[in-house]
Amino acid sequence: MSMESKQLAERFAAAKVVVVDDEHYMRKVVRTMLLSIGIREVHEAPDGEAGLELIRRLAPDVVILDWQMPGLDGPAFVRIVRSPATFPYPNVPIIMLTGHGERSRVVEAVKIGVNEFLLKPVSVKALQDRMVSVLAKPREVVKSGDYYGPVPRKLATTIHADNDAAIAKLTALN
């Protein structure tokens, strides 16, 4: 095992993950997949309100969130979490899991500050890739106007490529 994969395995083993989905079966599927890739601590919430409470109580490393739920749906949940003035853990990485892959939904997810987007049915490989992305290669969190969330990908690439120019570009956005 390479040093990098050993560190990743340790990071996964230490991670706390909250799965928020109104479908019991889907929570079990995601839990099983997470356990299979080395995540040891998985907490489940059957709805958005319970999910928010778990985040407040556990300060998890990652939240995996269903888009469509009765009551508080995924987008409304993300808006609450991404409110640094009122929510205690606004930077928690959020992976949106949905059966709806329309471009409009992906665009909305990006606009509200979702870190990653996964389409159901999800494969273990796709889930593992998103977990690696948020745990091993996290994007910086920024506030720009009404937006609070991970640096958008193109900007993230720019930041790593040319920090000063990217920072100037970001401050110009505010």
Protein backbone atom coordinates (compact mmCIF):
# COMPACT_ATOMS: atom_id res chain seq x y z
CA MET A 1 0.00 0.00 0.00
CA SER A 2 1.46 3.36 -1.02
CA MET A 3 1.87 6.15 1.52
CA GLU A 4 -0.90 8.09 -0.23
CA SER A 5 -3.40 5.22 -0.13
CA LYS A 6 -2.46 4.47 3.51
CA GLN A 7 -3.17 8.11 4.44
CA LEU A 8 -6.44 8.01 2.50
CA ALA A 9 -7.47 4.77 4.28
CA GLU A 10 -6.70 6.43 7.64
CA ARG A 11 -8.65 9.55 6.65
CA PHE A 12 -11.65 7.42 5.61
CA ALA A 13 -11.47 5.35 8.83
CA ALA A 14 -11.49 8.53 10.95
CA ALA A 15 -14.30 10.28 9.01
CA LYS A 16 -17.78 10.86 10.40
CA VAL A 17 -20.44 10.77 7.69
CA VAL A 18 -24.09 11.79 7.94
CA VAL A 19 -26.50 10.33 5.36
CA VAL A 20 -29.75 12.29 4.99
CA ASP A 21 -32.38 10.51 2.88
CA ASP A 22 -36.10 9.91 3.46
CA GLU A 23 -35.85 6.43 1.93
CA HIS A 24 -34.74 3.83 4.50
CA TYR A 25 -33.51 1.46 1.78
CA MET A 26 -31.35 4.16 0.16
CA ARG A 27 -29.75 5.06 3.52
CA LYS A 28 -28.88 1.37 4.01
CA VAL A 29 -27.38 1.11 0.50
CA VAL A 30 -25.23 4.22 1.03
CA ARG A 31 -24.19 3.02 4.52
CA THR A 32 -23.11 -0.37 3.08
CA MET A 33 -21.12 1.34 0.30
CA LEU A 34 -19.42 3.70 2.79
CA LEU A 35 -18.48 0.79 5.06
CA SER A 36 -17.10 -1.10 2.04
CA ILE A 37 -14.68 1.76 1.23
CA GLY A 38 -13.42 2.02 4.80
CA ILE A 39 -15.70 4.61 6.42
CA ARG A 40 -16.42 3.37 9.94
CA GLU A 41 -18.75 6.00 11.41
CA VAL A 42 -22.02 6.50 9.52
CA HIS A 43 -25.04 8.28 11.00
CA GLU A 44 -28.44 8.34 9.31
CA ALA A 45 -31.24 10.91 9.26
CA PRO A 46 -34.67 10.19 7.74
CA ASP A 47 -35.36 13.87 6.97
CA GLY A 48 -33.78 17.30 6.66
CA GLU A 49 -34.58 18.49 10.20
CA ALA A 50 -33.01 15.36 11.75
CA GLY A 51 -30.01 15.81 9.42
CA LEU A 52 -29.46 19.40 10.59
CA GLU A 53 -29.64 18.23 14.21
CA LEU A 54 -27.05 15.50 13.53
CA ILE A 55 -24.67 18.04 11.96
CA ARG A 56 -25.07 20.36 14.97
CA ARG A 57 -24.42 17.48 17.38
CA LEU A 58 -21.68 15.54 15.56
CA ALA A 59 -19.79 18.08 13.41
CA PRO A 60 -19.38 15.43 10.66
CA ASP A 61 -16.66 15.41 8.02
CA VAL A 62 -19.12 14.81 5.15
CA VAL A 63 -22.88 14.97 4.57
CA ILE A 64 -24.49 12.85 1.85
CA LEU A 65 -27.86 14.38 1.07
CA ASP A 66 -30.88 13.35 -0.96
CA TRP A 67 -32.34 16.10 -3.18
CA GLN A 68 -36.04 15.23 -2.97
CA MET A 69 -37.48 14.76 0.52
CA PRO A 70 -40.80 15.75 2.07
CA GLY A 71 -40.65 18.83 4.30
CA LEU A 72 -37.13 20.20 4.15
CA ASP A 73 -35.73 19.14 0.76
CA GLY A 74 -32.05 18.95 -0.21
CA PRO A 75 -31.67 22.48 -1.65
CA ALA A 76 -33.41 24.10 1.37
CA PHE A 77 -31.19 22.00 3.67
CA VAL A 78 -28.03 23.20 1.87
CA ARG A 79 -29.14 26.85 2.11
CA ILE A 80 -29.54 26.48 5.90
CA VAL A 81 -26.15 24.78 6.32
CA ARG A 82 -24.35 27.30 4.08
CA SER A 83 -25.36 30.19 6.36
CA PRO A 84 -22.23 31.02 8.40
CA ALA A 85 -24.06 33.68 10.42
CA THR A 86 -26.64 31.22 11.77
CA PHE A 87 -25.35 27.64 11.29
CA PRO A 88 -22.44 26.27 13.36
CA TYR A 89 -20.80 24.12 10.61
CA PRO A 90 -21.34 25.99 7.32
CA ASN A 91 -18.19 24.50 5.73
CA VAL A 92 -19.14 20.82 6.02
CA PRO A 93 -18.68 19.15 2.62
CA ILE A 94 -22.03 18.17 1.08
CA ILE A 95 -22.44 15.47 -1.57
CA MET A 96 -25.87 15.76 -3.21
CA LEU A 97 -27.34 12.39 -4.16
CA THR A 98 -30.30 12.43 -6.53
CA GLY A 99 -32.23 10.43 -9.07
CA HIS A 100 -32.63 13.60 -11.15
CA GLY A 101 -29.66 14.52 -13.35
CA GLU A 102 -31.18 17.43 -15.27
CA ARG A 103 -28.65 20.14 -16.01
CA SER A 104 -30.84 22.68 -14.16
CA ARG A 105 -30.50 20.65 -10.95
CA VAL A 106 -26.74 20.33 -11.29
CA VAL A 107 -26.49 24.09 -11.89
CA GLU A 108 -28.71 24.82 -8.87
CA ALA A 109 -26.64 22.46 -6.70
CA VAL A 110 -23.46 24.32 -7.67
CA LYS A 111 -25.12 27.71 -7.06
CA ILE A 112 -26.22 26.80 -3.54
CA GLY A 113 -22.80 25.45 -2.52
CA VAL A 114 -22.90 21.67 -2.94
CA ASN A 115 -19.39 20.17 -3.13
CA GLU A 116 -20.21 17.12 -5.26
CA PHE A 117 -23.17 15.73 -7.19
CA LEU A 118 -24.00 12.02 -7.46
CA LEU A 119 -26.70 10.44 -9.58
CA LYS A 120 -28.73 7.43 -8.38
CA PRO A 121 -28.24 4.55 -8.84
CA VAL A 122 -24.80 5.24 -7.42
CA SER A 123 -21.80 2.96 -7.80
CA VAL A 124 -19.26 2.30 -5.05
CA LYS A 125 -16.55 3.75 -7.33
CA ALA A 126 -18.47 7.00 -7.95
CA LEU A 127 -19.16 7.40 -4.21
CA GLN A 128 -15.53 6.66 -3.35
CA ASP A 129 -14.32 9.21 -5.93
CA ARG A 130 -16.56 11.93 -4.41
CA MET A 131 -15.41 11.00 -0.89
CA VAL A 132 -11.77 11.27 -2.00
CA SER A 133 -12.58 14.64 -3.56
CA VAL A 134 -14.09 16.13 -0.38
CA LEU A 135 -11.80 14.47 2.19
CA ALA A 136 -8.41 14.32 0.44
CA LYS A 137 -8.63 17.24 -2.00
CA PRO A 138 -11.04 19.69 -0.38
CA ARG A 139 -11.75 22.94 -2.19
CA GLU A 140 -11.44 26.18 -0.28
CA VAL A 141 -14.71 27.67 0.99
CA VAL A 142 -15.45 31.22 -0.12
CA LYS A 143 -18.06 33.92 0.37
CA SER A 144 -18.88 35.87 -2.76
CA GLY A 145 -21.99 38.03 -2.70
CA ASP A 146 -24.86 35.72 -1.73
CA TYR A 147 -22.78 32.61 -2.44
CA TYR A 148 -21.14 30.68 0.38
CA GLY A 149 -19.56 27.34 -0.44
CA PRO A 150 -16.65 25.61 -2.15
CA VAL A 151 -14.67 27.59 -4.70
CA PRO A 152 -16.27 26.74 -8.07
CA ARG A 153 -14.12 24.22 -9.98
CA LYS A 154 -12.81 26.49 -12.74
CA LEU A 155 -11.88 29.07 -10.14
CA ALA A 156 -10.34 26.36 -7.93
CA THR A 157 -8.09 25.34 -10.82
CA THR A 158 -7.15 28.98 -11.34
CA ILE A 159 -6.39 29.46 -7.65
CA HIS A 160 -3.97 26.57 -7.62
CA ALA A 161 -2.43 27.66 -10.91
CA ASP A 162 -2.04 31.34 -10.13
CA ASN A 163 -2.92 32.31 -6.59
CA ASP A 164 -2.46 36.09 -6.75
CA ALA A 165 -4.48 36.61 -9.93
CA ALA A 166 -7.25 34.33 -8.66
CA ILE A 167 -7.46 36.12 -5.32
CA ALA A 168 -7.63 39.46 -7.12
CA LYS A 169 -10.41 38.02 -9.31
CA LEU A 170 -12.28 36.77 -6.22
CA THR A 171 -12.04 40.08 -4.39
CA ALA A 172 -13.27 41.85 -7.52
CA LEU A 173 -16.39 39.61 -7.37
CA ASN A 174 -17.32 40.89 -3.89
